[in-house]
Structures are given as C-alpha cells and as structure tokens.
Protein backbone atom coordinates (compact mmCIF):
# COMPACT_ATOMS: atom_id res chain seq x y z
CA MET A 1 -190.54 -57.11 -84.62
CA THR A 2 -194.19 -58.00 -84.91
CA LEU A 3 -196.85 -60.23 -82.98
CA LEU A 4 -198.93 -61.95 -85.55
CA GLY A 5 -202.25 -63.39 -85.34
CA PRO A 6 -203.40 -66.79 -86.33
CA ASP A 7 -204.26 -65.42 -89.84
CA GLY A 8 -200.42 -64.23 -90.11
CA GLN A 9 -201.56 -60.62 -89.92
CA PRO A 10 -200.28 -58.16 -87.24
CA ALA A 11 -202.18 -58.77 -83.85
CA LYS A 12 -201.79 -55.35 -82.39
CA GLY A 13 -205.18 -53.40 -82.02
CA ARG A 14 -207.33 -56.52 -82.88
CA GLN A 15 -209.87 -58.48 -80.70
CA PHE A 16 -209.71 -62.25 -80.33
CA THR A 17 -211.54 -64.73 -78.36
CA ALA A 18 -209.64 -67.84 -76.79
CA ALA A 19 -211.97 -70.38 -75.28
CA ASN A 20 -210.16 -73.11 -77.07
CA GLY A 21 -206.86 -71.34 -77.10
CA ILE A 22 -205.34 -69.28 -79.91
CA GLU A 23 -201.79 -69.12 -80.94
CA LEU A 24 -200.13 -65.77 -81.74
CA SER A 25 -196.48 -65.64 -83.14
CA VAL A 26 -193.48 -63.51 -82.70
CA GLY A 27 -191.26 -63.39 -85.78
CA VAL A 28 -187.79 -63.69 -84.62
CA PRO A 29 -184.60 -64.31 -87.10
CA PRO A 30 -183.05 -67.81 -86.31
CA GLY A 31 -180.60 -67.86 -83.41
CA ARG A 32 -181.54 -64.18 -82.26
CA ARG A 33 -182.64 -63.45 -78.75
CA LEU A 34 -184.54 -60.79 -77.21
CA THR A 35 -183.32 -58.13 -74.83
CA SER A 36 -186.90 -56.72 -74.08
CA ALA A 37 -190.67 -57.63 -75.08
CA ARG A 38 -193.89 -55.95 -73.80
CA LEU A 39 -197.16 -57.23 -74.45
CA ARG A 40 -200.47 -55.54 -73.02
CA LEU A 41 -203.92 -56.98 -73.22
CA ALA A 42 -207.25 -55.71 -72.19
CA ALA A 43 -210.80 -56.73 -72.16
CA ALA A 44 -212.53 -55.53 -75.55
CA ASP A 45 -215.95 -55.15 -73.83
CA GLY A 46 -217.12 -53.82 -70.34
CA SER A 47 -220.86 -54.04 -70.90
CA VAL A 48 -222.92 -55.88 -68.34
CA GLN A 49 -225.46 -58.84 -68.82
CA THR A 50 -228.20 -59.38 -66.32
CA VAL A 51 -229.05 -63.06 -65.96
CA GLN A 52 -231.60 -64.90 -63.76
CA PRO A 53 -230.18 -68.30 -63.42
CA ALA A 54 -231.84 -71.44 -62.31
CA LEU A 55 -231.35 -71.71 -58.40
CA GLN A 56 -230.57 -74.67 -56.11
CA SER A 57 -232.08 -74.00 -52.99
CA ASP A 58 -233.68 -75.22 -49.68
CA ALA A 59 -236.99 -74.68 -51.79
CA GLY A 60 -236.17 -77.10 -54.20
CA ASP A 61 -236.77 -76.36 -57.83
CA LYS A 62 -238.92 -73.20 -57.10
CA THR A 63 -237.27 -70.17 -58.53
CA PRO A 64 -238.45 -66.53 -58.14
CA ASP A 65 -240.01 -65.18 -61.25
CA GLY A 66 -240.40 -61.46 -60.27
CA ASN A 67 -243.96 -61.82 -59.37
CA ALA A 68 -244.56 -64.89 -57.09
CA THR A 69 -242.37 -65.17 -54.06
CA VAL A 70 -240.31 -68.00 -52.88
CA THR A 71 -239.21 -68.46 -49.30
CA LEU A 72 -235.35 -69.21 -49.18
CA ARG A 73 -232.81 -69.70 -46.38
CA TRP A 74 -230.07 -70.22 -48.88
CA ALA A 75 -229.79 -70.41 -52.61
CA THR A 76 -226.93 -71.28 -55.22
CA ALA A 77 -226.75 -69.84 -58.68
CA ASP A 78 -224.75 -71.50 -61.26
CA TRP A 79 -224.24 -70.02 -64.67
CA GLY A 80 -222.13 -72.79 -66.13
CA GLU A 81 -218.69 -71.08 -66.82
CA GLU A 82 -216.16 -68.75 -65.35
CA ARG A 83 -217.46 -65.21 -65.78
CA ALA A 84 -216.83 -61.64 -64.45
CA ILE A 85 -219.59 -61.18 -61.87
CA VAL A 86 -219.92 -57.34 -61.06
CA GLY A 87 -223.33 -57.24 -59.22
CA LEU A 88 -226.27 -59.01 -57.53
CA THR A 89 -229.98 -58.04 -57.12
CA VAL A 90 -231.96 -59.77 -54.64
CA VAL A 91 -235.51 -58.41 -53.93
CA ALA A 92 -237.34 -59.77 -50.78
CA ASP A 93 -240.97 -59.26 -49.67
CA GLY A 94 -239.91 -57.02 -46.92
CA PRO A 95 -238.51 -53.58 -46.39
CA PRO A 96 -234.79 -53.15 -46.30
CA PRO A 97 -232.60 -52.66 -44.18
CA ARG A 98 -234.36 -55.36 -42.08
CA ASN A 99 -233.25 -58.13 -44.12
CA GLY A 100 -230.08 -59.07 -46.42
CA LEU A 101 -228.06 -61.76 -47.49
CA ARG A 102 -224.45 -63.09 -47.08
CA ALA A 103 -222.76 -63.97 -50.44
CA ARG A 104 -219.90 -66.38 -51.57
CA LEU A 105 -218.38 -66.86 -54.84
CA PHE A 106 -216.98 -70.21 -56.31
CA ASN A 107 -213.79 -70.03 -58.37
CA ARG A 108 -211.14 -72.60 -59.25
CA GLY A 109 -212.21 -75.09 -56.65
CA SER A 110 -212.73 -72.57 -53.64
CA TRP A 111 -215.66 -70.59 -52.07
CA LEU A 112 -214.54 -67.05 -51.25
CA PRO A 113 -216.56 -64.08 -49.80
CA VAL A 114 -217.71 -61.32 -52.22
CA MET A 115 -215.26 -58.33 -51.92
CA PRO A 116 -215.13 -55.88 -50.53
CA LEU A 117 -218.37 -56.82 -48.37
CA ASP A 118 -219.75 -59.99 -48.23
CA THR A 119 -223.07 -58.93 -46.42
CA LEU A 120 -225.26 -57.06 -48.71
CA PRO A 121 -228.86 -55.49 -48.52
CA THR A 122 -231.84 -56.74 -50.42
CA GLY A 123 -234.01 -54.46 -52.47
CA SER A 124 -231.66 -52.85 -55.08
CA GLN A 125 -228.77 -53.66 -57.38
CA GLN A 126 -225.54 -54.17 -55.40
CA ARG A 127 -222.41 -53.52 -57.27
CA PHE A 128 -218.71 -54.56 -56.64
CA PRO A 129 -215.54 -54.68 -58.48
CA PRO A 130 -215.20 -57.56 -61.17
CA GLN A 131 -214.43 -60.90 -59.62
CA SER A 132 -214.05 -64.35 -61.32
CA ALA A 133 -216.51 -67.04 -60.40
CA SER A 134 -218.99 -69.66 -61.94
CA ARG A 135 -221.27 -69.98 -58.86
CA LEU A 136 -222.75 -67.79 -56.22
CA ASN A 137 -224.06 -68.95 -52.89
CA ALA A 138 -226.32 -66.68 -50.87
CA GLU A 139 -227.40 -67.22 -47.24
CA MET A 140 -230.39 -65.23 -46.47
CA LEU A 141 -230.40 -62.74 -43.24
CA VAL A 142 -233.37 -61.37 -41.15
CA GLU A 143 -233.32 -58.95 -38.41
CA GLY A 144 -233.14 -60.89 -35.11
CA LYS A 145 -235.33 -60.56 -32.10
CA VAL A 146 -235.10 -60.94 -28.39
CA GLY A 147 -238.66 -61.65 -27.22
CA ASP A 148 -240.64 -59.13 -29.43
CA THR A 149 -237.96 -56.77 -29.60
CA ALA A 150 -235.83 -56.34 -32.84
CA THR A 151 -232.14 -56.25 -32.24
CA GLY A 152 -231.17 -54.47 -35.56
CA VAL A 153 -228.78 -57.47 -36.05
CA LEU A 154 -229.08 -59.61 -39.09
CA VAL A 155 -229.02 -63.34 -38.58
CA PRO A 156 -229.67 -66.48 -40.77
CA GLY A 157 -233.39 -66.71 -41.49
CA PRO A 158 -236.11 -67.31 -44.05
CA LEU A 159 -236.78 -64.76 -46.57
CA ALA A 160 -239.61 -64.50 -49.09
CA ILE A 161 -237.66 -63.70 -52.35
CA LYS A 162 -239.33 -61.97 -55.37
CA GLN A 163 -236.24 -61.43 -57.59
CA PHE A 164 -232.71 -63.12 -57.85
CA SER A 165 -230.47 -61.50 -60.54
CA ILE A 166 -226.89 -61.94 -61.33
CA HIS A 167 -224.91 -59.28 -63.31
CA LEU A 168 -222.01 -60.36 -65.40
CA SER A 169 -219.43 -58.33 -67.31
CA GLN A 170 -218.14 -59.28 -70.69
CA GLN A 171 -214.60 -59.21 -69.39
CA PRO A 172 -212.61 -62.39 -70.09
CA CYS A 173 -211.77 -64.55 -67.08
CA GLY A 174 -209.26 -67.32 -66.82
CA LEU A 175 -206.76 -65.83 -69.27
CA THR A 176 -203.36 -67.58 -69.41
CA ALA A 177 -200.23 -67.11 -71.49
CA ALA A 178 -197.84 -69.93 -72.35
CA ILE A 179 -195.13 -70.59 -74.96
CA ALA A 180 -196.50 -73.41 -77.22
CA ASP A 181 -197.63 -76.21 -74.94
CA GLU A 182 -195.60 -75.32 -71.90
CA ALA A 183 -197.20 -74.57 -68.55
CA PRO A 184 -198.43 -70.99 -68.31
CA PHE A 185 -196.03 -68.23 -67.34
CA PHE A 186 -198.69 -65.56 -66.78
CA THR A 187 -202.27 -65.65 -65.16
CA PRO A 188 -203.74 -62.55 -63.99
CA ASP A 189 -205.72 -62.28 -60.87
CA GLY A 190 -209.47 -61.94 -61.66
CA PRO A 191 -211.06 -60.82 -64.87
CA LEU A 192 -209.00 -59.01 -67.57
CA PRO A 193 -209.61 -55.45 -66.96
CA LEU A 194 -210.55 -52.83 -69.36
CA THR A 195 -207.41 -50.83 -69.00
CA PRO A 196 -204.25 -52.64 -70.62
CA THR A 197 -202.62 -55.01 -68.51
CA GLU A 198 -198.92 -56.15 -69.22
CA VAL A 199 -198.01 -59.70 -69.73
CA SER A 200 -195.09 -60.03 -67.26
CA GLY A 201 -192.38 -62.68 -67.80
CA LEU A 202 -192.60 -62.61 -71.53
CA VAL A 203 -189.18 -61.92 -72.78
CA ARG A 204 -187.70 -64.69 -70.15
CA ALA A 205 -190.33 -67.16 -71.72
CA LEU A 206 -189.45 -66.31 -75.25
CA ASN A 207 -185.83 -66.48 -74.70
CA ARG A 208 -186.08 -69.98 -73.09
CA TYR A 209 -188.10 -71.32 -75.93
CA ARG A 210 -185.36 -69.75 -78.26
CA ASN A 211 -182.47 -71.58 -76.32
CA ASP A 212 -184.42 -74.99 -77.09
CA HIS A 213 -185.16 -73.95 -80.77
CA PRO A 214 -182.31 -71.96 -82.17
CA GLN A 215 -183.41 -72.30 -85.55
CA ALA A 216 -187.01 -71.35 -85.32
CA SER A 217 -188.13 -68.37 -87.27
CA SER A 218 -191.19 -67.52 -85.05
CA LEU A 219 -191.88 -68.02 -81.37
CA PRO A 220 -195.44 -69.19 -80.59
CA LEU A 221 -197.53 -67.51 -77.87
CA ARG A 222 -200.61 -69.45 -76.88
CA ILE A 223 -203.43 -67.72 -75.21
CA ARG A 224 -206.49 -69.19 -73.45
CA CYS A 225 -209.52 -67.78 -71.82
CA ALA A 226 -212.34 -69.42 -69.79
CA GLY A 227 -215.22 -68.32 -72.28
CA GLN A 228 -216.14 -66.40 -75.39
CA GLN A 229 -215.41 -62.89 -74.20
CA ALA A 230 -213.08 -61.12 -76.27
CA PHE A 231 -209.76 -59.50 -75.43
CA ILE A 232 -207.77 -56.75 -77.46
CA VAL A 233 -204.00 -56.70 -78.12
CA SER A 234 -203.44 -53.19 -76.90
CA ASP A 235 -199.76 -52.96 -77.53
CA PHE A 236 -196.77 -54.94 -78.61
CA GLU A 237 -192.99 -54.15 -78.82
CA ALA A 238 -189.92 -56.04 -78.60
CA GLU A 239 -186.09 -55.45 -79.30
CA LEU A 240 -183.50 -58.16 -80.29
CA GLU A 241 -180.14 -58.47 -78.84
CA ALA A 242 -177.45 -56.68 -80.81
CA LEU A 243 -175.53 -58.82 -83.26
CA PRO A 244 -172.01 -59.63 -82.08
CA PRO A 245 -169.42 -57.58 -84.01
CA PRO A 246 -168.29 -58.91 -87.37
CA PRO A 247 -164.98 -60.78 -86.98
CA THR A 248 -161.94 -58.55 -87.40
CA PRO A 249 -159.99 -59.27 -90.59
CA PRO A 250 -156.83 -60.43 -89.88
CA GLY A 251 -154.25 -57.74 -89.84
CA PRO A 252 -150.51 -57.83 -90.43
CA PRO A 253 -149.05 -60.71 -88.24
CA VAL A 254 -148.11 -59.66 -84.69
CA GLY A 255 -144.72 -61.72 -85.05
CA PRO A 256 -142.56 -61.87 -87.97
CA PRO A 257 -143.37 -64.20 -90.69
CA ASP A 258 -141.24 -67.43 -90.92
CA ALA A 259 -140.09 -67.03 -94.52
CA PRO A 260 -137.39 -64.57 -95.93
CA ARG A 261 -138.44 -62.36 -98.81
CA PRO A 262 -137.89 -63.37 -102.45
CA GLY A 263 -134.22 -62.70 -103.55
CA GLU A 264 -132.64 -62.38 -100.39
CA LEU A 265 -129.04 -63.28 -100.13
CA ALA A 266 -127.05 -65.13 -97.32
CA TRP A 267 -124.94 -62.41 -95.58
CA LEU A 268 -123.23 -64.89 -93.37
CA PRO A 269 -121.95 -68.40 -94.01
CA GLU A 270 -123.86 -71.26 -92.82
CA GLY A 271 -123.16 -72.32 -89.20
CA ALA A 272 -121.71 -75.81 -88.38
CA ALA A 273 -125.00 -76.57 -86.49
CA SER A 274 -123.38 -79.46 -84.88
CA THR A 275 -122.58 -78.34 -81.28
CA GLY A 276 -124.88 -79.33 -78.57
CA LEU A 277 -123.62 -76.10 -76.72
CA ALA A 278 -126.09 -73.43 -76.29
CA ARG A 279 -127.09 -70.23 -74.31
CA LEU A 280 -130.38 -69.91 -72.17
CA CYS A 281 -132.94 -67.32 -72.89
CA ASP A 282 -135.81 -67.02 -70.41
CA GLY A 283 -137.11 -64.26 -68.09
CA ARG A 284 -133.94 -63.60 -66.35
CA HIS A 285 -131.39 -64.36 -69.17
CA THR A 286 -130.91 -62.51 -72.38
CA ALA A 287 -128.53 -63.14 -75.29
CA ALA A 288 -127.30 -61.09 -78.37
CA VAL A 289 -125.09 -61.09 -81.40
CA VAL A 290 -123.02 -58.07 -82.34
CA LEU A 291 -122.63 -57.68 -86.06
CA ALA A 292 -120.58 -55.41 -88.47
CA PRO A 293 -122.18 -52.74 -90.78
CA VAL A 294 -124.37 -54.10 -93.58
CA ASP A 295 -122.29 -52.29 -96.48
CA SER A 296 -124.08 -54.05 -99.36
CA GLY A 297 -127.68 -54.07 -99.53
CA GLU A 298 -130.27 -53.75 -96.78
CA LEU A 299 -131.07 -55.89 -93.76
CA SER A 300 -134.12 -58.24 -94.76
CA SER A 301 -134.52 -61.19 -92.37
CA VAL A 302 -132.34 -62.88 -89.48
CA ALA A 303 -132.97 -66.50 -88.43
CA LEU A 304 -131.94 -68.08 -85.09
CA ARG A 305 -131.37 -71.69 -84.26
CA LEU A 306 -133.34 -72.39 -81.06
CA ARG A 307 -135.05 -75.24 -79.09
CA ALA A 308 -138.06 -74.72 -77.19
CA LEU A 309 -138.08 -75.58 -73.47
CA GLY A 310 -141.71 -75.30 -72.74
CA PRO A 311 -145.01 -75.82 -74.51
CA ARG A 312 -145.55 -72.15 -75.37
CA ASN A 313 -142.47 -69.90 -75.45
CA ARG A 314 -142.93 -66.20 -76.44
CA GLY A 315 -140.20 -63.84 -76.86
CA GLN A 316 -139.06 -60.53 -78.65
CA LEU A 317 -136.06 -60.03 -81.15
CA SER A 318 -135.05 -56.50 -81.21
CA ILE A 319 -132.28 -54.70 -83.53
CA HIS A 320 -130.27 -51.93 -81.81
CA LEU A 321 -127.44 -49.75 -83.04
CA ALA A 322 -124.29 -50.12 -81.05
CA ASN A 323 -123.45 -47.59 -78.38
CA GLY A 324 -119.96 -48.33 -77.53
CA ALA A 325 -119.81 -51.90 -75.93
CA HIS A 326 -123.48 -51.78 -75.25
CA PRO A 327 -126.65 -51.64 -77.27
CA GLN A 328 -128.51 -48.42 -77.43
CA ASP A 329 -131.45 -48.64 -74.90
CA THR A 330 -134.05 -47.72 -77.60
CA ALA A 331 -134.42 -50.38 -80.30
CA LEU A 332 -134.42 -49.64 -83.87
CA LEU A 333 -137.28 -52.10 -84.50
CA SER A 334 -138.89 -55.19 -82.58
CA MET A 335 -140.35 -58.42 -83.67
CA ASP A 336 -142.41 -60.76 -81.58
CA PHE A 337 -142.15 -64.57 -82.05
CA GLU A 338 -143.60 -67.62 -80.43
CA LEU A 339 -142.30 -71.29 -80.36
CA VAL A 340 -145.01 -74.03 -79.63
CA THR A 341 -144.30 -77.66 -79.08
CA THR A 342 -146.31 -80.47 -77.58
CA GLU A 343 -143.24 -82.29 -76.41
CA PRO A 344 -140.52 -79.95 -74.86
CA ALA A 345 -138.42 -82.62 -73.62
CA ALA A 346 -138.15 -84.15 -77.06
CA ALA A 347 -137.99 -80.84 -78.99
CA ALA A 348 -135.11 -80.53 -81.68
CA PRO A 349 -133.45 -77.47 -82.61
CA VAL A 350 -135.20 -75.32 -85.29
CA TRP A 351 -134.31 -72.30 -87.45
CA LEU A 352 -136.70 -69.36 -86.20
CA THR A 353 -136.90 -66.87 -89.06
CA ALA A 354 -137.90 -63.16 -88.34
CA ARG A 355 -138.58 -61.11 -91.53
CA LEU A 356 -138.14 -57.42 -90.80
CA PRO A 357 -141.28 -55.38 -91.42
CA THR A 358 -139.23 -53.12 -93.66
CA PRO A 359 -135.78 -53.66 -94.90
CA GLN A 360 -133.27 -51.60 -93.05
CA PRO A 361 -130.04 -49.84 -94.29
CA LEU A 362 -127.36 -50.33 -91.72
CA ALA A 363 -124.34 -49.19 -93.63
CA GLY A 364 -121.66 -47.74 -91.39
CA ARG A 365 -123.43 -48.82 -88.23
CA THR A 366 -122.44 -51.74 -86.13
CA TRP A 367 -125.72 -53.26 -84.57
CA TRP A 368 -127.06 -55.72 -82.01
CA LEU A 369 -129.61 -58.59 -82.38
CA VAL A 370 -131.02 -59.18 -79.02
CA CYS A 371 -133.42 -61.98 -77.97
CA ARG A 372 -135.39 -61.63 -74.85
CA MET A 373 -138.08 -63.91 -73.36
CA SER A 374 -141.66 -62.95 -71.99
CA GLU A 375 -142.96 -66.47 -71.51
CA GLY A 376 -141.33 -69.83 -71.42
CA ALA A 377 -137.62 -70.45 -72.38
CA VAL A 378 -135.42 -71.22 -75.35
CA LEU A 379 -131.75 -72.37 -75.97
CA TRP A 380 -129.87 -70.37 -78.65
CA TYR A 381 -127.22 -72.64 -80.02
CA ALA A 382 -123.64 -71.68 -80.28
CA ASP A 383 -120.81 -72.58 -82.85
CA PRO A 384 -117.14 -72.24 -82.68
CA ASP A 385 -115.04 -70.03 -85.06
CA ARG A 386 -117.38 -66.97 -85.68
CA PRO A 387 -117.23 -65.55 -89.17
CA PRO A 388 -115.47 -62.01 -89.69
CA ARG A 389 -118.93 -60.29 -89.92
CA VAL A 390 -119.96 -61.38 -86.48
CA THR A 391 -118.18 -59.08 -84.20
CA ASP A 392 -119.08 -60.63 -80.79
CA SER A 393 -121.84 -62.79 -79.04
CA ARG A 394 -122.98 -61.85 -75.43
CA HIS A 395 -125.29 -62.77 -72.72
CA GLN A 396 -126.90 -60.90 -69.71
CA SER A 397 -128.34 -62.15 -66.45
CA ALA A 398 -130.99 -60.15 -64.55
CA GLY A 399 -130.27 -56.92 -66.37
CA GLY A 400 -126.41 -57.09 -65.48
CA PRO A 401 -123.47 -56.40 -67.59
CA TRP A 402 -123.06 -57.94 -71.07
CA LEU A 403 -120.70 -60.72 -70.85
CA PRO A 404 -118.84 -62.60 -73.72
CA LEU A 405 -119.39 -66.22 -74.55
CA GLU A 406 -116.77 -68.58 -73.16
CA ALA A 407 -117.48 -71.77 -75.32
CA PRO A 408 -117.40 -73.39 -77.60
CA GLY A 409 -113.90 -72.79 -79.21
CA ASP A 410 -111.69 -69.48 -78.91
CA SER A 411 -114.25 -67.22 -80.77
CA PRO A 412 -117.69 -68.65 -80.17
CA TRP A 413 -120.89 -67.21 -81.78
CA LEU A 414 -124.61 -67.62 -81.44
CA GLN A 415 -125.68 -69.39 -84.73
CA LEU A 416 -127.47 -66.86 -87.16
CA ARG A 417 -128.68 -66.37 -90.52
CA VAL A 418 -128.86 -62.98 -92.13
CA GLY A 419 -130.50 -62.28 -95.45
CA VAL A 420 -129.89 -59.04 -97.34
CA LEU A 421 -131.60 -57.42 -100.40
CA ASP A 422 -128.98 -56.09 -103.13
CA THR A 423 -131.68 -53.58 -104.11
CA PRO A 424 -134.36 -51.74 -102.03
CA ALA A 425 -137.61 -53.87 -101.72
CA ALA A 426 -140.54 -52.33 -103.72
C-alpha cells in the first residue's frame, strides 16, 4: 500500500506545503479494511529567520531601529501568522542584569508565558524551545530601589530599548490531519519537530471512512498547516486485513441423498401405507426393522415412511449385522438425515430415502436397520402383515431391551422400502 501525493505519485520522502490544505490518498482495494497504518511527518527545514516586526507599545508608533532608543514599558510584536518562535533579542540602553522583560505568547486565542522561563534578561539573544505563536507581548523590567538602594529585584518600569528582534523557525505550525472534510483526528502540540512524529489515530480514522464508503478505491487524507512552511512525509506503511478464506466447495452430503441409484430393484413389496398407527422415535425411543440376508445383488438404498413432529428433526439411520436377537454394537455404516417442516401439526407422512454411500453385499447375514433421533421426533408408520423378508420390527425405550411391535395385525412391520442392485455399482 502506498500514500500518494496530489499528483498521484508516492508521497514518502517528499516535501509539501499545506497552508490551503493538501489531499493525500491511501490506495485501498474496495471493501478492504486496514489492520495497521503508520504515517510519520517532520519539519522539512529547521533554519531560523530573524525579523524586526512593527511594535504596538506605550510609545505609540515608535519602533527601535538599532541606533536610536525608544523608551518602553510594554510592547507587542505581531508577525501576522502562526509561526514557530525560538528566540528573542531585546537590547536595552543599560547594563544587564539590572533590567529584563517578562514575555507572553499569543496562540489560538490565549496568552501564555514563554516556556520554560518567562522572565528573560536583555542584551543578548535568548533561545527557548520552539513554540507556536502569532504575537508576543513584552513587559519591561528594571531593578527596583528602596530609597537610593538597589534591591536586586526586577519590577515593571520603563526601559530605553535599542533593538527588538524575534527569531522564527521554518517549522510548520497548526498542522492538522483529517479524513476528507471531517473534523481533524490529529493535531500535534506546538510546531512540527525536525524528528519524525507519528500521526496517531490514523488506522481508526481510515477504517471509519471505509465503513461509510465501502466501494471507494482510495481513502482521502487532508493535511493543513498555518503557513507556507514545508513538512516532509518521513515514512508511511500500512497493512490490509486478511481476506476471508474462500468458501469451501461443497463436499459429499452429510446425510444420504433422497434419490435411489439408477437401476435399483425393489426388494420388498410396497407397504399398504393406509394405517394411522406408528412408532415414536425421539431422544428416548428408538425403532428398528430386522431383515433377512440380501441373497441377490447388493443393498443400495432404504426408505422409511416418517412424519415430522417438530420444525427440525435430525437423526441417524444405521445398519447393523445381527448378533443373535440383538444388533451388533458397532454399526456396519451410518447415514444422517434431517426432516424440516414449517407446520409440524399439519405435516403428512413422507418417504425418507437414504442411499448408502457404497452398496453393501449382505448375502448370508441377517441385518438390522435402526432409526435414532438426535433432535426433534418422528413417527415411523407401521403396517400389518409383514412380508417374508422382514424378520421382525422392534422398538426400544431409554436404552432398554428391544421389544416386538404389538399392533397393527398379528405380524406388524414398520413400513420400509429396500432397493438393491443386481450387479455391483461402478
């Protein structure tokens, strides 16, 4: 990612002035957000300019010119714009340290003392850390006396001033950073230093703009300064949030498909499908059909006549080889299923088809088809007069013994369809 200048070229390492505001831009793919962003700015020039501004004072329009003196009690210097003041030279017609001045700076509507000391001697240039100001006010100080005895204490009084000079650095002042025309999110204290300063809050401001403009291909960063002093883009780096992983292609269905394989043959006669009697399958109740060996072909699919009792019903069909009068504990294979209905009270019985993942040869082996529910409940409908290939139908409660069905008819069975393949599937 790159920060671009107004001309569309990379901004890193370049100088800019921003008295009227300049717009840099961060190129970001549409819809992408940033995990981090770091921008550091520094003053491009630290050289010092000495000016002798016109003074407003108690002496009227008289201004010291370095030769003739002007007697002042106070004076205000106004250089017209917010600048970085780094020093002051006031030369009085009297030997220091017997006189001095107390200085205050005007910045953003407030008068504040010069830091770190606001009481300065006259006679030589006084340097202090860069401070933003557009005006300076000086109150003249003279050595106080008690009678004819000097006290050594400076008190307000008139001074004959020969020189009044202000020393201004070329460091930018009043710098602000904002996104487009929003309120600034970054305003450093004082002039921009020569050492790079990080623009804090950048990633939060950029991502907020991205939330409001998801399709924008660049994010605008507007920088303003108080004057024509230049700054330099020392460093810029940013990282995008990782893209979400691509959607996983659909794999094989979790549950069995609801269609038999082509070429299947019916292994059981069609049930009567007219009785209203059924066996409950839910979290506590399980039902099963016991079937004879599949002597011809391979088992390919099974279908149960079920009615959903809840809006979402999930269960499992499992095939077990017989172990005497019980199914083996370990299933030969299992198939998950789900029945969903919007109106359980009015749901009608349906045939739920479960196709085996792989056709199974079951020659010579009696087998069980067991229906268990993990969520919701279903009714498995029963028929009288079970066909010869259905050995038995059983039900179980809370893990208890497997009990035979008692109705309907003398030999009831849970309705079931079985599809077999005469030849092994390709």
